[in-house]
Amino acid sequence: MMPERRLQGIEKYLGKTLISGEGEKIGTIDRFIEQRLTGVPEWMVVQAGILGTKDFVVPVADSSLEEDGVHVPYPKEVIVEEPKIEVDDGITPEAETILNSYFGLGAQE
């Protein structure tokens, strides 16, 4: 029997609108980036802009699925001004460190 992932049902987030801490719509959740060791979804890749031309990477932690979309505690300015991280092939340990620091998350092992 395979072990269950901690965040069951996370696929319900896909295609939902990401909403900032102030209630502003940011974009649409396109995919997840999993933690390298556990395989648990740790980051959401959000497409924004005209025709989804910009990608933002936002932590799954502290997010909640509501009727109107997925809410995160971060202001829109924090999300749109995050360091540019290339996520086409996942996320490097260095990029993860940068994002953890930027979003004020504790050390991830």
PDB file of N, CA and C in Angstrom:
ATOM      1  N   MET A   1       0.832  -1.184   0.000  1.00  0.00           N
ATOM      2  CA  MET A   1       0.000   0.000   0.000  1.00  0.00           C
ATOM      3  C   MET A   1       0.881   1.254   0.000  1.00  0.00           C
ATOM      4  N   MET A   2       0.534   2.227  -0.845  1.00  0.00           N
ATOM      5  CA  MET A   2       1.322   3.452  -0.933  1.00  0.00           C
ATOM      6  C   MET A   2       0.957   4.401   0.202  1.00  0.00           C
ATOM      7  N   PRO A   3       1.946   5.124   0.738  1.00  0.00           N
ATOM      8  CA  PRO A   3       1.614   6.090   1.788  1.00  0.00           C
ATOM      9  C   PRO A   3       0.791   7.237   1.218  1.00  0.00           C
ATOM     10  N   GLU A   4      -0.127   7.765   2.029  1.00  0.00           N
ATOM     11  CA  GLU A   4      -0.950   8.895   1.602  1.00  0.00           C
ATOM     12  C   GLU A   4      -0.159  10.183   1.701  1.00  0.00           C
ATOM     13  N   ARG A   5      -0.430  11.090   0.783  1.00  0.00           N
ATOM     14  CA  ARG A   5       0.180  12.411   0.861  1.00  0.00           C
ATOM     15  C   ARG A   5      -0.540  13.217   1.922  1.00  0.00           C
ATOM     16  N   ARG A   6       0.188  14.113   2.554  1.00  0.00           N
ATOM     17  CA  ARG A   6      -0.393  14.938   3.608  1.00  0.00           C
ATOM     18  C   ARG A   6      -1.495  15.855   3.089  1.00  0.00           C
ATOM     19  N   LEU A   7      -1.330  16.390   1.883  1.00  0.00           N
ATOM     20  CA  LEU A   7      -2.284  17.349   1.364  1.00  0.00           C
ATOM     21  C   LEU A   7      -3.208  16.676   0.359  1.00  0.00           C
ATOM     22  N   GLN A   8      -4.105  15.866   0.860  1.00  0.00           N
ATOM     23  CA  GLN A   8      -5.042  15.175  -0.001  1.00  0.00           C
ATOM     24  C   GLN A   8      -6.006  16.163  -0.637  1.00  0.00           C
ATOM     25  N   GLY A   9      -6.321  15.944  -1.903  1.00  0.00           N
ATOM     26  CA  GLY A   9      -7.287  16.790  -2.571  1.00  0.00           C
ATOM     27  C   GLY A   9      -6.723  18.086  -3.118  1.00  0.00           C
ATOM     28  N   ILE A  10      -5.424  18.239  -3.124  1.00  0.00           N
ATOM     29  CA  ILE A  10      -4.811  19.481  -3.588  1.00  0.00           C
ATOM     30  C   ILE A  10      -5.130  19.739  -5.053  1.00  0.00           C
ATOM     31  N   GLU A  11      -5.444  18.678  -5.801  1.00  0.00           N
ATOM     32  CA  GLU A  11      -5.769  18.850  -7.216  1.00  0.00           C
ATOM     33  C   GLU A  11      -6.999  19.728  -7.414  1.00  0.00           C
ATOM     34  N   LYS A  12      -7.814  19.896  -6.383  1.00  0.00           N
ATOM     35  CA  LYS A  12      -8.979  20.783  -6.468  1.00  0.00           C
ATOM     36  C   LYS A  12      -8.564  22.240  -6.665  1.00  0.00           C
ATOM     37  N   TYR A  13      -7.325  22.578  -6.334  1.00  0.00           N
ATOM     38  CA  TYR A  13      -6.817  23.929  -6.504  1.00  0.00           C
ATOM     39  C   TYR A  13      -6.560  24.271  -7.973  1.00  0.00           C
ATOM     40  N   LEU A  14      -6.272  23.255  -8.788  1.00  0.00           N
ATOM     41  CA  LEU A  14      -5.920  23.486 -10.189  1.00  0.00           C
ATOM     42  C   LEU A  14      -7.036  24.211 -10.932  1.00  0.00           C
ATOM     43  N   GLY A  15      -6.656  25.252 -11.668  1.00  0.00           N
ATOM     44  CA  GLY A  15      -7.622  26.021 -12.441  1.00  0.00           C
ATOM     45  C   GLY A  15      -8.383  27.062 -11.639  1.00  0.00           C
ATOM     46  N   LYS A  16      -8.146  27.110 -10.334  1.00  0.00           N
ATOM     47  CA  LYS A  16      -8.824  28.085  -9.480  1.00  0.00           C
ATOM     48  C   LYS A  16      -8.062  29.412  -9.485  1.00  0.00           C
ATOM     49  N   THR A  17      -8.766  30.463  -9.149  1.00  0.00           N
ATOM     50  CA  THR A  17      -8.167  31.794  -9.066  1.00  0.00           C
ATOM     51  C   THR A  17      -7.397  31.931  -7.765  1.00  0.00           C
ATOM     52  N   LEU A  18      -6.181  32.475  -7.834  1.00  0.00           N
ATOM     53  CA  LEU A  18      -5.406  32.781  -6.635  1.00  0.00           C
ATOM     54  C   LEU A  18      -5.785  34.177  -6.180  1.00  0.00           C
ATOM     55  N   ILE A  19      -6.093  34.316  -4.903  1.00  0.00           N
ATOM     56  CA  ILE A  19      -6.554  35.585  -4.339  1.00  0.00           C
ATOM     57  C   ILE A  19      -5.607  36.010  -3.214  1.00  0.00           C
ATOM     58  N   SER A  20      -5.150  37.247  -3.305  1.00  0.00           N
ATOM     59  CA  SER A  20      -4.191  37.781  -2.325  1.00  0.00           C
ATOM     60  C   SER A  20      -4.836  37.978  -0.962  1.00  0.00           C
ATOM     61  N   GLY A  21      -4.005  38.311   0.010  1.00  0.00           N
ATOM     62  CA  GLY A  21      -4.476  38.582   1.365  1.00  0.00           C
ATOM     63  C   GLY A  21      -5.452  39.737   1.442  1.00  0.00           C
ATOM     64  N   GLU A  22      -5.410  40.643   0.454  1.00  0.00           N
ATOM     65  CA  GLU A  22      -6.334  41.779   0.412  1.00  0.00           C
ATOM     66  C   GLU A  22      -7.554  41.517  -0.465  1.00  0.00           C
ATOM     67  N   GLY A  23      -7.655  40.286  -1.008  1.00  0.00           N
ATOM     68  CA  GLY A  23      -8.812  39.943  -1.827  1.00  0.00           C
ATOM     69  C   GLY A  23      -8.666  40.241  -3.310  1.00  0.00           C
ATOM     70  N   GLU A  24      -7.443  40.557  -3.760  1.00  0.00           N
ATOM     71  CA  GLU A  24      -7.221  40.842  -5.179  1.00  0.00           C
ATOM     72  C   GLU A  24      -6.933  39.557  -5.940  1.00  0.00           C
ATOM     73  N   LYS A  25      -7.518  39.429  -7.131  1.00  0.00           N
ATOM     74  CA  LYS A  25      -7.274  38.274  -7.977  1.00  0.00           C
ATOM     75  C   LYS A  25      -5.916  38.425  -8.639  1.00  0.00           C
ATOM     76  N   ILE A  26      -5.118  37.349  -8.572  1.00  0.00           N
ATOM     77  CA  ILE A  26      -3.759  37.372  -9.104  1.00  0.00           C
ATOM     78  C   ILE A  26      -3.677  36.641 -10.444  1.00  0.00           C
ATOM     79  N   GLY A  27      -4.209  35.447 -10.511  1.00  0.00           N
ATOM     80  CA  GLY A  27      -4.124  34.624 -11.707  1.00  0.00           C
ATOM     81  C   GLY A  27      -4.736  33.269 -11.441  1.00  0.00           C
ATOM     82  N   THR A  28      -4.399  32.300 -12.287  1.00  0.00           N
ATOM     83  CA  THR A  28      -4.969  30.956 -12.210  1.00  0.00           C
ATOM     84  C   THR A  28      -3.893  29.942 -11.849  1.00  0.00           C
ATOM     85  N   ILE A  29      -4.218  29.047 -10.941  1.00  0.00           N
ATOM     86  CA  ILE A  29      -3.261  28.014 -10.522  1.00  0.00           C
ATOM     87  C   ILE A  29      -3.131  26.987 -11.642  1.00  0.00           C
ATOM     88  N   ASP A  30      -1.902  26.844 -12.135  1.00  0.00           N
ATOM     89  CA  ASP A  30      -1.630  25.984 -13.285  1.00  0.00           C
ATOM     90  C   ASP A  30      -1.093  24.612 -12.885  1.00  0.00           C
ATOM     91  N   ARG A  31      -0.180  24.600 -11.904  1.00  0.00           N
ATOM     92  CA  ARG A  31       0.442  23.335 -11.499  1.00  0.00           C
ATOM     93  C   ARG A  31       1.112  23.507 -10.143  1.00  0.00           C
ATOM     94  N   PHE A  32       1.661  22.390  -9.654  1.00  0.00           N
ATOM     95  CA  PHE A  32       2.346  22.387  -8.367  1.00  0.00           C
ATOM     96  C   PHE A  32       3.787  21.948  -8.534  1.00  0.00           C
ATOM     97  N   ILE A  33       4.610  22.405  -7.615  1.00  0.00           N
ATOM     98  CA  ILE A  33       5.987  21.929  -7.523  1.00  0.00           C
ATOM     99  C   ILE A  33       6.076  21.200  -6.187  1.00  0.00           C
ATOM    100  N   GLU A  34       6.530  19.954  -6.266  1.00  0.00           N
ATOM    101  CA  GLU A  34       6.578  19.117  -5.069  1.00  0.00           C
ATOM    102  C   GLU A  34       7.913  19.228  -4.353  1.00  0.00           C
ATOM    103  N   GLN A  35       7.871  18.996  -3.059  1.00  0.00           N
ATOM    104  CA  GLN A  35       9.081  18.956  -2.252  1.00  0.00           C
ATOM    105  C   GLN A  35       9.905  17.766  -2.723  1.00  0.00           C
ATOM    106  N   ARG A  36      11.175  17.974  -2.950  1.00  0.00           N
ATOM    107  CA  ARG A  36      12.034  16.947  -3.560  1.00  0.00           C
ATOM    108  C   ARG A  36      12.075  15.635  -2.787  1.00  0.00           C
ATOM    109  N   LEU A  37      12.129  15.682  -1.485  1.00  0.00           N
ATOM    110  CA  LEU A  37      12.279  14.460  -0.698  1.00  0.00           C
ATOM    111  C   LEU A  37      10.961  13.751  -0.415  1.00  0.00           C
ATOM    112  N   THR A  38       9.899  14.504  -0.183  1.00  0.00           N
ATOM    113  CA  THR A  38       8.633  13.889   0.229  1.00  0.00           C
ATOM    114  C   THR A  38       7.619  13.755  -0.898  1.00  0.00           C
ATOM    115  N   GLY A  39       7.763  14.549  -1.949  1.00  0.00           N
ATOM    116  CA  GLY A  39       6.785  14.525  -3.023  1.00  0.00           C
ATOM    117  C   GLY A  39       5.500  15.267  -2.697  1.00  0.00           C
ATOM    118  N   VAL A  40       5.481  15.983  -1.588  1.00  0.00           N
ATOM    119  CA  VAL A  40       4.298  16.750  -1.183  1.00  0.00           C
ATOM    120  C   VAL A  40       4.295  18.096  -1.914  1.00  0.00           C
ATOM    121  N   PRO A  41       3.156  18.491  -2.501  1.00  0.00           N
ATOM    122  CA  PRO A  41       3.096  19.795  -3.175  1.00  0.00           C
ATOM    123  C   PRO A  41       3.459  20.923  -2.210  1.00  0.00           C
ATOM    124  N   GLU A  42       4.442  21.727  -2.606  1.00  0.00           N
ATOM    125  CA  GLU A  42       4.950  22.775  -1.731  1.00  0.00           C
ATOM    126  C   GLU A  42       4.743  24.170  -2.325  1.00  0.00           C
ATOM    127  N   TRP A  43       4.712  24.270  -3.649  1.00  0.00           N
ATOM    128  CA  TRP A  43       4.573  25.542  -4.334  1.00  0.00           C
ATOM    129  C   TRP A  43       3.484  25.449  -5.393  1.00  0.00           C
ATOM    130  N   MET A  44       2.768  26.539  -5.607  1.00  0.00           N
ATOM    131  CA  MET A  44       1.784  26.637  -6.679  1.00  0.00           C
ATOM    132  C   MET A  44       2.368  27.538  -7.755  1.00  0.00           C
ATOM    133  N   VAL A  45       2.253  27.130  -9.014  1.00  0.00           N
ATOM    134  CA  VAL A  45       2.646  27.981 -10.124  1.00  0.00           C
ATOM    135  C   VAL A  45       1.361  28.633 -10.630  1.00  0.00           C
ATOM    136  N   VAL A  46       1.350  29.963 -10.583  1.00  0.00           N
ATOM    137  CA  VAL A  46       0.165  30.746 -10.925  1.00  0.00           C
ATOM    138  C   VAL A  46       0.428  31.499 -12.220  1.00  0.00           C
ATOM    139  N   GLN A  47      -0.454  31.319 -13.189  1.00  0.00           N
ATOM    140  CA  GLN A  47      -0.338  32.046 -14.452  1.00  0.00           C
ATOM    141  C   GLN A  47      -1.167  33.309 -14.366  1.00  0.00           C
ATOM    142  N   ALA A  48      -0.563  34.415 -14.764  1.00  0.00           N
ATOM    143  CA  ALA A  48      -1.241  35.709 -14.700  1.00  0.00           C
ATOM    144  C   ALA A  48      -0.907  36.506 -15.958  1.00  0.00           C
ATOM    145  N   GLY A  49      -1.542  37.639 -16.092  1.00  0.00           N
ATOM    146  CA  GLY A  49      -1.301  38.496 -17.247  1.00  0.00           C
ATOM    147  C   GLY A  49      -2.164  38.069 -18.418  1.00  0.00           C
ATOM    148  N   ILE A  50      -2.047  38.815 -19.476  1.00  0.00           N
ATOM    149  CA  ILE A  50      -2.814  38.513 -20.677  1.00  0.00           C
ATOM    150  C   ILE A  50      -2.385  37.157 -21.215  1.00  0.00           C
ATOM    151  N   LEU A  51      -3.339  36.259 -21.353  1.00  0.00           N
ATOM    152  CA  LEU A  51      -3.100  34.895 -21.845  1.00  0.00           C
ATOM    153  C   LEU A  51      -2.105  34.116 -20.985  1.00  0.00           C
ATOM    154  N   GLY A  52      -2.035  34.419 -19.696  1.00  0.00           N
ATOM    155  CA  GLY A  52      -1.155  33.687 -18.792  1.00  0.00           C
ATOM    156  C   GLY A  52       0.310  33.817 -19.123  1.00  0.00           C
ATOM    157  N   THR A  53       0.746  35.019 -19.472  1.00  0.00           N
ATOM    158  CA  THR A  53       2.120  35.232 -19.913  1.00  0.00           C
ATOM    159  C   THR A  53       3.133  35.354 -18.783  1.00  0.00           C
ATOM    160  N   LYS A  54       2.669  35.473 -17.542  1.00  0.00           N
ATOM    161  CA  LYS A  54       3.584  35.574 -16.407  1.00  0.00           C
ATOM    162  C   LYS A  54       3.308  34.425 -15.455  1.00  0.00           C
ATOM    163  N   ASP A  55       4.371  33.840 -14.928  1.00  0.00           N
ATOM    164  CA  ASP A  55       4.241  32.792 -13.914  1.00  0.00           C
ATOM    165  C   ASP A  55       4.757  33.316 -12.588  1.00  0.00           C
ATOM    166  N   PHE A  56       3.990  33.075 -11.531  1.00  0.00           N
ATOM    167  CA  PHE A  56       4.417  33.381 -10.175  1.00  0.00           C
ATOM    168  C   PHE A  56       4.429  32.078  -9.391  1.00  0.00           C
ATOM    169  N   VAL A  57       5.348  31.974  -8.447  1.00  0.00           N
ATOM    170  CA  VAL A  57       5.457  30.791  -7.609  1.00  0.00           C
ATOM    171  C   VAL A  57       5.073  31.199  -6.192  1.00  0.00           C
ATOM    172  N   VAL A  58       4.033  30.550  -5.653  1.00  0.00           N
ATOM    173  CA  VAL A  58       3.468  30.939  -4.365  1.00  0.00           C
ATOM    174  C   VAL A  58       3.408  29.699  -3.463  1.00  0.00           C
ATOM    175  N   PRO A  59       3.738  29.839  -2.180  1.00  0.00           N
ATOM    176  CA  PRO A  59       3.687  28.683  -1.278  1.00  0.00           C
ATOM    177  C   PRO A  59       2.271  28.118  -1.134  1.00  0.00           C
ATOM    178  N   VAL A  60       2.195  26.802  -1.042  1.00  0.00           N
ATOM    179  CA  VAL A  60       0.928  26.131  -0.742  1.00  0.00           C
ATOM    180  C   VAL A  60       0.584  26.348   0.734  1.00  0.00           C
ATOM    181  N   ALA A  61       1.610  26.402   1.593  1.00  0.00           N
ATOM    182  CA  ALA A  61       1.404  26.569   3.033  1.00  0.00           C
ATOM    183  C   ALA A  61       0.547  27.794   3.325  1.00  0.00           C
ATOM    184  N   ASP A  62      -0.376  27.658   4.243  1.00  0.00           N
ATOM    185  CA  ASP A  62      -1.277  28.723   4.690  1.00  0.00           C
ATOM    186  C   ASP A  62      -2.284  29.159   3.627  1.00  0.00           C
ATOM    187  N   SER A  63      -2.448  28.368   2.559  1.00  0.00           N
ATOM    188  CA  SER A  63      -3.467  28.695   1.568  1.00  0.00           C
ATOM    189  C   SER A  63      -4.764  27.980   1.944  1.00  0.00           C
ATOM    190  N   SER A  64      -5.868  28.507   1.457  1.00  0.00           N
ATOM    191  CA  SER A  64      -7.154  27.860   1.724  1.00  0.00           C
ATOM    192  C   SER A  64      -8.054  27.969   0.501  1.00  0.00           C
ATOM    193  N   LEU A  65      -8.768  26.882   0.231  1.00  0.00           N
ATOM    194  CA  LEU A  65      -9.689  26.839  -0.897  1.00  0.00           C
ATOM    195  C   LEU A  65     -11.054  27.308  -0.419  1.00  0.00           C
ATOM    196  N   GLU A  66     -11.529  28.391  -1.012  1.00  0.00           N
ATOM    197  CA  GLU A  66     -12.841  28.948  -0.685  1.00  0.00           C
ATOM    198  C   GLU A  66     -13.702  28.911  -1.938  1.00  0.00           C
ATOM    199  N   GLU A  67     -14.955  29.343  -1.838  1.00  0.00           N
ATOM    200  CA  GLU A  67     -15.852  29.338  -2.991  1.00  0.00           C
ATOM    201  C   GLU A  67     -15.322  30.170  -4.157  1.00  0.00           C
ATOM    202  N   ASP A  68     -14.704  31.315  -3.853  1.00  0.00           N
ATOM    203  CA  ASP A  68     -14.264  32.220  -4.916  1.00  0.00           C
ATOM    204  C   ASP A  68     -12.853  31.941  -5.421  1.00  0.00           C
ATOM    205  N   GLY A  69     -12.126  31.017  -4.810  1.00  0.00           N
ATOM    206  CA  GLY A  69     -10.781  30.684  -5.251  1.00  0.00           C
ATOM    207  C   GLY A  69      -9.884  30.282  -4.098  1.00  0.00           C
ATOM    208  N   VAL A  70      -8.589  30.266  -4.371  1.00  0.00           N
ATOM    209  CA  VAL A  70      -7.590  29.893  -3.370  1.00  0.00           C
ATOM    210  C   VAL A  70      -7.028  31.170  -2.755  1.00  0.00           C
ATOM    211  N   HIS A  71      -7.154  31.283  -1.442  1.00  0.00           N
ATOM    212  CA  HIS A  71      -6.683  32.468  -0.724  1.00  0.00           C
ATOM    213  C   HIS A  71      -5.318  32.197  -0.109  1.00  0.00           C
ATOM    214  N   VAL A  72      -4.442  33.191  -0.250  1.00  0.00           N
ATOM    215  CA  VAL A  72      -3.128  33.139   0.384  1.00  0.00           C
ATOM    216  C   VAL A  72      -2.971  34.388   1.243  1.00  0.00           C
ATOM    217  N   PRO A  73      -2.105  34.344   2.255  1.00  0.00           N
ATOM    218  CA  PRO A  73      -1.982  35.487   3.170  1.00  0.00           C
ATOM    219  C   PRO A  73      -1.128  36.636   2.642  1.00  0.00           C
ATOM    220  N   TYR A  74      -0.573  36.507   1.446  1.00  0.00           N
ATOM    221  CA  TYR A  74       0.369  37.496   0.934  1.00  0.00           C
ATOM    222  C   TYR A  74      -0.327  38.604   0.149  1.00  0.00           C
ATOM    223  N   PRO A  75       0.131  39.850   0.324  1.00  0.00           N
ATOM    224  CA  PRO A  75      -0.401  40.948  -0.487  1.00  0.00           C
ATOM    225  C   PRO A  75      -0.012  40.756  -1.958  1.00  0.00           C
ATOM    226  N   LYS A  76      -0.799  41.325  -2.848  1.00  0.00           N
ATOM    227  CA  LYS A  76      -0.530  41.229  -4.283  1.00  0.00           C
ATOM    228  C   LYS A  76       0.879  41.720  -4.614  1.00  0.00           C
ATOM    229  N   GLU A  77       1.292  42.835  -3.989  1.00  0.00           N
ATOM    230  CA  GLU A  77       2.615  43.400  -4.273  1.00  0.00           C
ATOM    231  C   GLU A  77       3.728  42.401  -3.981  1.00  0.00           C
ATOM    232  N   VAL A  78       3.581  41.626  -2.912  1.00  0.00           N
ATOM    233  CA  VAL A  78       4.603  40.641  -2.556  1.00  0.00           C
ATOM    234  C   VAL A  78       4.676  39.562  -3.631  1.00  0.00           C
ATOM    235  N   ILE A  79       3.529  39.123  -4.115  1.00  0.00           N
ATOM    236  CA  ILE A  79       3.501  38.062  -5.118  1.00  0.00           C
ATOM    237  C   ILE A  79       4.080  38.540  -6.444  1.00  0.00           C
ATOM    238  N   VAL A  80       3.634  39.688  -6.923  1.00  0.00           N
ATOM    239  CA  VAL A  80       4.074  40.134  -8.250  1.00  0.00           C
ATOM    240  C   VAL A  80       5.513  40.662  -8.260  1.00  0.00           C
ATOM    241  N   GLU A  81       6.062  40.980  -7.100  1.00  0.00           N
ATOM    242  CA  GLU A  81       7.444  41.462  -7.030  1.00  0.00           C
ATOM    243  C   GLU A  81       8.426  40.397  -6.570  1.00  0.00           C
ATOM    244  N   GLU A  82       7.981  39.137  -6.509  1.00  0.00           N
ATOM    245  CA  GLU A  82       8.876  38.067  -6.068  1.00  0.00           C
ATOM    246  C   GLU A  82      10.054  37.925  -7.023  1.00  0.00           C
ATOM    247  N   PRO A  83      11.149  37.352  -6.543  1.00  0.00           N
ATOM    248  CA  PRO A  83      12.293  37.122  -7.422  1.00  0.00           C
ATOM    249  C   PRO A  83      11.879  36.215  -8.582  1.00  0.00           C
ATOM    250  N   LYS A  84      12.361  36.510  -9.778  1.00  0.00           N
ATOM    251  CA  LYS A  84      12.023  35.701 -10.950  1.00  0.00           C
ATOM    252  C   LYS A  84      12.737  34.360 -10.847  1.00  0.00           C
ATOM    253  N   ILE A  85      11.954  33.286 -10.820  1.00  0.00           N
ATOM    254  CA  ILE A  85      12.480  31.931 -10.696  1.00  0.00           C
ATOM    255  C   ILE A  85      12.004  31.130 -11.906  1.00  0.00           C
ATOM    256  N   GLU A  86      12.912  30.444 -12.566  1.00  0.00           N
ATOM    257  CA  GLU A  86      12.555  29.581 -13.693  1.00  0.00           C
ATOM    258  C   GLU A  86      12.034  28.252 -13.145  1.00  0.00           C
ATOM    259  N   VAL A  87      10.825  27.871 -13.531  1.00  0.00           N
ATOM    260  CA  VAL A  87      10.196  26.682 -12.957  1.00  0.00           C
ATOM    261  C   VAL A  87       9.797  25.648 -14.002  1.00  0.00           C
ATOM    262  N   ASP A  88      10.288  25.783 -15.217  1.00  0.00           N
ATOM    263  CA  ASP A  88       9.903  24.843 -16.272  1.00  0.00           C
ATOM    264  C   ASP A  88      10.228  23.394 -15.929  1.00  0.00           C
ATOM    265  N   ASP A  89      11.377  23.163 -15.340  1.00  0.00           N
ATOM    266  CA  ASP A  89      11.805  21.808 -14.986  1.00  0.00           C
ATOM    267  C   ASP A  89      11.832  21.593 -13.477  1.00  0.00           C
ATOM    268  N   GLY A  90      10.894  22.179 -12.766  1.00  0.00           N
ATOM    269  CA  GLY A  90      10.901  22.079 -11.313  1.00  0.00           C
ATOM    270  C   GLY A  90      11.592  23.281 -10.712  1.00  0.00           C
ATOM    271  N   ILE A  91      12.124  23.100  -9.526  1.00  0.00           N
ATOM    272  CA  ILE A  91      12.751  24.221  -8.827  1.00  0.00           C
ATOM    273  C   ILE A  91      14.068  23.745  -8.221  1.00  0.00           C
ATOM    274  N   THR A  92      15.115  24.518  -8.406  1.00  0.00           N
ATOM    275  CA  THR A  92      16.429  24.138  -7.881  1.00  0.00           C
ATOM    276  C   THR A  92      16.470  24.392  -6.378  1.00  0.00           C
ATOM    277  N   PRO A  93      17.375  23.719  -5.674  1.00  0.00           N
ATOM    278  CA  PRO A  93      17.518  23.991  -4.240  1.00  0.00           C
ATOM    279  C   PRO A  93      17.842  25.459  -3.963  1.00  0.00           C
ATOM    280  N   GLU A  94      18.650  26.080  -4.829  1.00  0.00           N
ATOM    281  CA  GLU A  94      19.001  27.486  -4.641  1.00  0.00           C
ATOM    282  C   GLU A  94      17.766  28.378  -4.789  1.00  0.00           C
ATOM    283  N   ALA A  95      16.954  28.094  -5.802  1.00  0.00           N
ATOM    284  CA  ALA A  95      15.737  28.871  -6.020  1.00  0.00           C
ATOM    285  C   ALA A  95      14.760  28.685  -4.871  1.00  0.00           C
ATOM    286  N   GLU A  96      14.679  27.474  -4.356  1.00  0.00           N
ATOM    287  CA  GLU A  96      13.801  27.206  -3.221  1.00  0.00           C
ATOM    288  C   GLU A  96      14.248  27.993  -1.991  1.00  0.00           C
ATOM    289  N   THR A  97      15.534  28.079  -1.770  1.00  0.00           N
ATOM    290  CA  THR A  97      16.073  28.860  -0.659  1.00  0.00           C
ATOM    291  C   THR A  97      15.703  30.333  -0.815  1.00  0.00           C
ATOM    292  N   ILE A  98      15.828  30.852  -2.035  1.00  0.00           N
ATOM    293  CA  ILE A  98      15.478  32.250  -2.306  1.00  0.00           C
ATOM    294  C   ILE A  98      14.000  32.494  -2.020  1.00  0.00           C
ATOM    295  N   LEU A  99      13.137  31.611  -2.509  1.00  0.00           N
ATOM    296  CA  LEU A  99      11.693  31.776  -2.300  1.00  0.00           C
ATOM    297  C   LEU A  99      11.312  31.625  -0.831  1.00  0.00           C
ATOM    298  N   ASN A 100      11.901  30.649  -0.148  1.00  0.00           N
ATOM    299  CA  ASN A 100      11.623  30.476   1.283  1.00  0.00           C
ATOM    300  C   ASN A 100      11.968  31.746   2.050  1.00  0.00           C
ATOM    301  N   SER A 101      13.124  32.327   1.737  1.00  0.00           N
ATOM    302  CA  SER A 101      13.545  33.551   2.401  1.00  0.00           C
ATOM    303  C   SER A 101      12.606  34.696   2.059  1.00  0.00           C
ATOM    304  N   TYR A 102      12.259  34.823   0.781  1.00  0.00           N
ATOM    305  CA  TYR A 102      11.399  35.910   0.327  1.00  0.00           C
ATOM    306  C   TYR A 102      10.020  35.867   1.004  1.00  0.00           C
ATOM    307  N   PHE A 103       9.433  34.684   1.089  1.00  0.00           N
ATOM    308  CA  PHE A 103       8.107  34.545   1.678  1.00  0.00           C
ATOM    309  C   PHE A 103       8.143  34.358   3.196  1.00  0.00           C
ATOM    310  N   GLY A 104       9.343  34.373   3.792  1.00  0.00           N
ATOM    311  CA  GLY A 104       9.468  34.276   5.247  1.00  0.00           C
ATOM    312  C   GLY A 104       9.128  32.917   5.796  1.00  0.00           C
ATOM    313  N   LEU A 105       9.408  31.890   5.010  1.00  0.00           N
ATOM    314  CA  LEU A 105       9.136  30.517   5.457  1.00  0.00           C
ATOM    315  C   LEU A 105      10.345  29.973   6.172  1.00  0.00           C
ATOM    316  N   GLY A 106      10.119  29.060   7.103  1.00  0.00           N
ATOM    317  CA  GLY A 106      11.208  28.450   7.845  1.00  0.00           C
ATOM    318  C   GLY A 106      12.048  27.570   6.945  1.00  0.00           C
ATOM    319  N   ALA A 107      13.164  27.146   7.456  1.00  0.00           N
ATOM    320  CA  ALA A 107      14.056  26.281   6.695  1.00  0.00           C
ATOM    321  C   ALA A 107      13.319  25.007   6.306  1.00  0.00           C
ATOM    322  N   GLN A 108      13.398  24.645   5.048  1.00  0.00           N
ATOM    323  CA  GLN A 108      12.762  23.439   4.543  1.00  0.00           C
ATOM    324  C   GLN A 108      13.824  22.368   4.406  1.00  0.00           C
ATOM    325  N   GLU A 109      13.521  21.178   4.882  1.00  0.00           N
ATOM    326  CA  GLU A 109      14.482  20.088   4.772  1.00  0.00           C
ATOM    327  C   GLU A 109      13.986  19.068   3.791  1.00  0.00           C
TER     328      GLU A 109
END
